Amino acid sequence: MESSVDLGFLEPCEEWLLANKFFRSKVGGKPAWLELKKLPAAKDLLCGVCGEPCVFLCQILRYDRKGDPLWLSPVVPESIPACDQCGGPRKFEFQIMPQLLNSLKNENIDWGTLAIYTCEQSCDPADRGYVREFVYKQDVVNTEPQAPPPEIGHE
């Protein structure tokens, strides 16, 4: 038995309604630009009132290479370790948002956001299939700055 899911809509709607600026059946998160050819520019994803990046309620992965993570609190990593391969700096590449937890259905894990930092030079692995990256886990309950957690990566 095959089923489909339309996240973010109360009821199915016709395709032309996705282009409607009022999004009659939109509950949250599902962007109207479902065609990769028509993705909005980065400036179009900023809040018209405060200028901050918009956050989509169903967003699981947020990619912004060499940009900045969206933090839940002012508690951020004090430093990001250098690349193990070349010794160069690592830069923010993407983050995994807490909305993924709803899909995992495991109450034993929790995070506010997972920020992934990769080598600025995009090092090629010398003799392995992967290069170790750095993940910073920001918890929702953080109240004081912490030292960076241990690195997570593939050997």
C-alpha atoms as a PDB file:
ATOM      1  CA  MET A   1       0.000   0.000   0.000  1.00  0.00           C
ATOM      2  CA  GLU A   2       1.480   3.329  -1.082  1.00  0.00           C
ATOM      3  CA  SER A   3       0.525   6.634   0.497  1.00  0.00           C
ATOM      4  CA  SER A   4       1.578  10.238   0.079  1.00  0.00           C
ATOM      5  CA  VAL A   5       1.993  13.107   2.499  1.00  0.00           C
ATOM      6  CA  ASP A   6       1.602  16.849   1.879  1.00  0.00           C
ATOM      7  CA  LEU A   7       3.336  18.543   4.791  1.00  0.00           C
ATOM      8  CA  GLY A   8       2.147  21.998   5.639  1.00  0.00           C
ATOM      9  CA  PHE A   9      -1.304  21.884   4.046  1.00  0.00           C
ATOM     10  CA  LEU A  10      -4.666  21.265   5.707  1.00  0.00           C
ATOM     11  CA  GLU A  11      -6.206  19.931   2.520  1.00  0.00           C
ATOM     12  CA  PRO A  12      -4.996  19.119  -0.998  1.00  0.00           C
ATOM     13  CA  CYS A  13      -5.026  22.112  -3.296  1.00  0.00           C
ATOM     14  CA  GLU A  14      -4.647  22.767  -6.972  1.00  0.00           C
ATOM     15  CA  GLU A  15      -1.197  23.678  -8.292  1.00  0.00           C
ATOM     16  CA  TRP A  16      -2.177  27.272  -9.155  1.00  0.00           C
ATOM     17  CA  LEU A  17      -2.897  27.898  -5.466  1.00  0.00           C
ATOM     18  CA  LEU A  18       0.793  27.346  -4.681  1.00  0.00           C
ATOM     19  CA  ALA A  19       1.563  30.559  -6.549  1.00  0.00           C
ATOM     20  CA  ASN A  20      -1.144  32.485  -4.697  1.00  0.00           C
ATOM     21  CA  LYS A  21       0.402  34.923  -2.233  1.00  0.00           C
ATOM     22  CA  PHE A  22      -2.306  34.159   0.317  1.00  0.00           C
ATOM     23  CA  PHE A  23      -1.653  30.376   0.465  1.00  0.00           C
ATOM     24  CA  ARG A  24      -5.232  29.524   1.390  1.00  0.00           C
ATOM     25  CA  SER A  25      -4.378  26.090   2.813  1.00  0.00           C
ATOM     26  CA  LYS A  26      -0.873  26.792   4.076  1.00  0.00           C
ATOM     27  CA  VAL A  27      -0.259  25.839   7.704  1.00  0.00           C
ATOM     28  CA  GLY A  28       3.495  26.345   7.755  1.00  0.00           C
ATOM     29  CA  GLY A  29       6.842  25.435   6.354  1.00  0.00           C
ATOM     30  CA  LYS A  30       6.183  24.030   2.906  1.00  0.00           C
ATOM     31  CA  PRO A  31       7.607  26.536   0.438  1.00  0.00           C
ATOM     32  CA  ALA A  32       5.597  27.421  -2.625  1.00  0.00           C
ATOM     33  CA  TRP A  33       8.644  27.294  -4.905  1.00  0.00           C
ATOM     34  CA  LEU A  34       8.739  23.553  -5.519  1.00  0.00           C
ATOM     35  CA  GLU A  35      10.477  23.866  -8.887  1.00  0.00           C
ATOM     36  CA  LEU A  36      14.263  24.103  -8.577  1.00  0.00           C
ATOM     37  CA  LYS A  37      14.366  26.446 -11.579  1.00  0.00           C
ATOM     38  CA  LYS A  38      12.297  29.027  -9.700  1.00  0.00           C
ATOM     39  CA  LEU A  39      14.079  29.171  -6.338  1.00  0.00           C
ATOM     40  CA  PRO A  40      13.991  32.609  -4.701  1.00  0.00           C
ATOM     41  CA  ALA A  41      17.157  34.651  -4.218  1.00  0.00           C
ATOM     42  CA  ALA A  42      18.640  34.766  -0.703  1.00  0.00           C
ATOM     43  CA  LYS A  43      17.434  38.369  -0.241  1.00  0.00           C
ATOM     44  CA  ASP A  44      13.864  37.205  -0.923  1.00  0.00           C
ATOM     45  CA  LEU A  45      14.045  34.869   2.088  1.00  0.00           C
ATOM     46  CA  LEU A  46      14.600  37.700   4.571  1.00  0.00           C
ATOM     47  CA  CYS A  47      11.818  38.965   6.816  1.00  0.00           C
ATOM     48  CA  GLY A  48      10.294  42.124   5.379  1.00  0.00           C
ATOM     49  CA  VAL A  49      10.011  43.657   8.860  1.00  0.00           C
ATOM     50  CA  CYS A  50      13.240  42.832  10.726  1.00  0.00           C
ATOM     51  CA  GLY A  51      15.547  41.729   7.867  1.00  0.00           C
ATOM     52  CA  GLU A  52      16.411  38.415   9.579  1.00  0.00           C
ATOM     53  CA  PRO A  53      16.354  35.131   7.590  1.00  0.00           C
ATOM     54  CA  CYS A  54      12.912  33.532   7.575  1.00  0.00           C
ATOM     55  CA  VAL A  55      12.561  30.177   9.319  1.00  0.00           C
ATOM     56  CA  PHE A  56      10.226  27.649   7.729  1.00  0.00           C
ATOM     57  CA  LEU A  57       8.318  25.507  10.206  1.00  0.00           C
ATOM     58  CA  CYS A  58       8.897  22.220   8.349  1.00  0.00           C
ATOM     59  CA  GLN A  59      12.512  22.946   7.397  1.00  0.00           C
ATOM     60  CA  ILE A  60      14.846  20.115   8.375  1.00  0.00           C
ATOM     61  CA  LEU A  61      18.084  21.085   6.655  1.00  0.00           C
ATOM     62  CA  ARG A  62      19.311  24.644   6.156  1.00  0.00           C
ATOM     63  CA  TYR A  63      22.224  25.067   3.738  1.00  0.00           C
ATOM     64  CA  ASP A  64      24.271  28.284   3.736  1.00  0.00           C
ATOM     65  CA  ARG A  65      27.935  27.538   2.863  1.00  0.00           C
ATOM     66  CA  LYS A  66      30.250  30.104   4.481  1.00  0.00           C
ATOM     67  CA  GLY A  67      27.171  31.809   5.955  1.00  0.00           C
ATOM     68  CA  ASP A  68      26.060  31.849   9.578  1.00  0.00           C
ATOM     69  CA  PRO A  69      23.924  29.361  11.475  1.00  0.00           C
ATOM     70  CA  LEU A  70      20.585  30.424  12.904  1.00  0.00           C
ATOM     71  CA  TRP A  71      21.097  29.990  16.648  1.00  0.00           C
ATOM     72  CA  LEU A  72      18.344  29.454  19.209  1.00  0.00           C
ATOM     73  CA  SER A  73      20.199  31.395  21.890  1.00  0.00           C
ATOM     74  CA  PRO A  74      23.320  33.549  22.264  1.00  0.00           C
ATOM     75  CA  VAL A  75      25.207  30.451  23.463  1.00  0.00           C
ATOM     76  CA  VAL A  76      27.450  29.617  20.494  1.00  0.00           C
ATOM     77  CA  PRO A  77      30.736  27.721  20.059  1.00  0.00           C
ATOM     78  CA  GLU A  78      33.780  29.644  21.269  1.00  0.00           C
ATOM     79  CA  SER A  79      35.978  28.199  18.528  1.00  0.00           C
ATOM     80  CA  ILE A  80      35.786  25.766  15.642  1.00  0.00           C
ATOM     81  CA  PRO A  81      38.691  23.301  15.315  1.00  0.00           C
ATOM     82  CA  ALA A  82      40.849  23.426  12.193  1.00  0.00           C
ATOM     83  CA  CYS A  83      40.565  20.820   9.436  1.00  0.00           C
ATOM     84  CA  ASP A  84      42.327  17.532  10.307  1.00  0.00           C
ATOM     85  CA  GLN A  85      43.396  17.090   6.685  1.00  0.00           C
ATOM     86  CA  CYS A  86      45.020  20.435   5.788  1.00  0.00           C
ATOM     87  CA  GLY A  87      44.985  22.426   9.047  1.00  0.00           C
ATOM     88  CA  GLY A  88      42.918  25.186   7.432  1.00  0.00           C
ATOM     89  CA  PRO A  89      39.815  26.802   8.913  1.00  0.00           C
ATOM     90  CA  ARG A  90      36.425  25.165   8.872  1.00  0.00           C
ATOM     91  CA  LYS A  91      33.411  27.255   7.874  1.00  0.00           C
ATOM     92  CA  PHE A  92      29.712  26.767   8.497  1.00  0.00           C
ATOM     93  CA  GLU A  93      28.070  24.788   5.687  1.00  0.00           C
ATOM     94  CA  PHE A  94      24.657  23.607   6.873  1.00  0.00           C
ATOM     95  CA  GLN A  95      22.550  22.913   9.915  1.00  0.00           C
ATOM     96  CA  ILE A  96      20.071  20.239  10.869  1.00  0.00           C
ATOM     97  CA  MET A  97      16.998  21.776  12.428  1.00  0.00           C
ATOM     98  CA  PRO A  98      15.115  20.282  15.391  1.00  0.00           C
ATOM     99  CA  GLN A  99      12.058  19.591  13.209  1.00  0.00           C
ATOM    100  CA  LEU A 100      13.816  16.353  12.180  1.00  0.00           C
ATOM    101  CA  LEU A 101      13.149  15.050  15.691  1.00  0.00           C
ATOM    102  CA  ASN A 102       9.432  14.817  14.850  1.00  0.00           C
ATOM    103  CA  SER A 103      10.233  12.335  12.085  1.00  0.00           C
ATOM    104  CA  LEU A 104      12.698  10.290  14.135  1.00  0.00           C
ATOM    105  CA  LYS A 105      10.109   9.527  16.831  1.00  0.00           C
ATOM    106  CA  ASN A 106      12.787   8.849  19.447  1.00  0.00           C
ATOM    107  CA  GLU A 107      12.278  10.665  22.733  1.00  0.00           C
ATOM    108  CA  ASN A 108      15.818   9.865  23.916  1.00  0.00           C
ATOM    109  CA  ILE A 109      17.536  12.355  21.617  1.00  0.00           C
ATOM    110  CA  ASP A 110      17.130  16.115  21.505  1.00  0.00           C
ATOM    111  CA  TRP A 111      18.890  19.181  20.161  1.00  0.00           C
ATOM    112  CA  GLY A 112      18.184  22.810  19.408  1.00  0.00           C
ATOM    113  CA  THR A 113      20.230  22.802  16.206  1.00  0.00           C
ATOM    114  CA  LEU A 114      23.180  20.871  14.780  1.00  0.00           C
ATOM    115  CA  ALA A 115      25.637  23.164  12.975  1.00  0.00           C
ATOM    116  CA  ILE A 116      28.027  21.395  10.583  1.00  0.00           C
ATOM    117  CA  TYR A 117      31.355  23.009   9.743  1.00  0.00           C
ATOM    118  CA  THR A 118      33.439  21.795   6.792  1.00  0.00           C
ATOM    119  CA  CYS A 119      36.915  22.616   5.498  1.00  0.00           C
ATOM    120  CA  GLU A 120      37.003  25.970   3.731  1.00  0.00           C
ATOM    121  CA  GLN A 121      39.223  24.349   1.066  1.00  0.00           C
ATOM    122  CA  SER A 122      36.905  21.329   0.568  1.00  0.00           C
ATOM    123  CA  CYS A 123      39.783  18.900   1.137  1.00  0.00           C
ATOM    124  CA  ASP A 124      39.775  15.659  -0.805  1.00  0.00           C
ATOM    125  CA  PRO A 125      40.303  12.556   1.314  1.00  0.00           C
ATOM    126  CA  ALA A 126      43.856  11.234   0.862  1.00  0.00           C
ATOM    127  CA  ASP A 127      43.170   7.539   1.361  1.00  0.00           C
ATOM    128  CA  ARG A 128      39.623   7.370   2.750  1.00  0.00           C
ATOM    129  CA  GLY A 129      36.144   7.954   1.457  1.00  0.00           C
ATOM    130  CA  TYR A 130      35.398  10.773   3.907  1.00  0.00           C
ATOM    131  CA  VAL A 131      37.027  13.773   5.531  1.00  0.00           C
ATOM    132  CA  ARG A 132      36.191  14.396   9.187  1.00  0.00           C
ATOM    133  CA  GLU A 133      33.897  17.379   9.704  1.00  0.00           C
ATOM    134  CA  PHE A 134      32.893  19.237  12.873  1.00  0.00           C
ATOM    135  CA  VAL A 135      29.380  19.272  14.368  1.00  0.00           C
ATOM    136  CA  TYR A 136      28.322  21.711  17.070  1.00  0.00           C
ATOM    137  CA  LYS A 137      25.199  20.653  18.980  1.00  0.00           C
ATOM    138  CA  GLN A 138      23.317  23.562  20.497  1.00  0.00           C
ATOM    139  CA  ASP A 139      20.835  22.418  23.100  1.00  0.00           C
ATOM    140  CA  VAL A 140      17.636  24.277  23.829  1.00  0.00           C
ATOM    141  CA  VAL A 141      18.560  24.503  27.524  1.00  0.00           C
ATOM    142  CA  ASN A 142      22.060  26.012  27.104  1.00  0.00           C
ATOM    143  CA  THR A 143      22.545  29.002  29.380  1.00  0.00           C
ATOM    144  CA  GLU A 144      26.330  29.411  29.433  1.00  0.00           C
ATOM    145  CA  PRO A 145      28.979  29.219  26.674  1.00  0.00           C
ATOM    146  CA  GLN A 146      30.624  25.809  26.395  1.00  0.00           C
ATOM    147  CA  ALA A 147      33.837  24.487  24.948  1.00  0.00           C
ATOM    148  CA  PRO A 148      33.330  22.805  21.558  1.00  0.00           C
ATOM    149  CA  PRO A 149      32.062  19.228  21.871  1.00  0.00           C
ATOM    150  CA  PRO A 150      34.126  16.321  20.533  1.00  0.00           C
ATOM    151  CA  GLU A 151      34.235  16.059  16.764  1.00  0.00           C
ATOM    152  CA  ILE A 152      31.914  13.677  14.991  1.00  0.00           C
ATOM    153  CA  GLY A 153      33.113  12.165  11.751  1.00  0.00           C
ATOM    154  CA  HIS A 154      34.003   9.104   9.785  1.00  0.00           C
ATOM    155  CA  GLU A 155      37.304   7.327  10.230  1.00  0.00           C
END
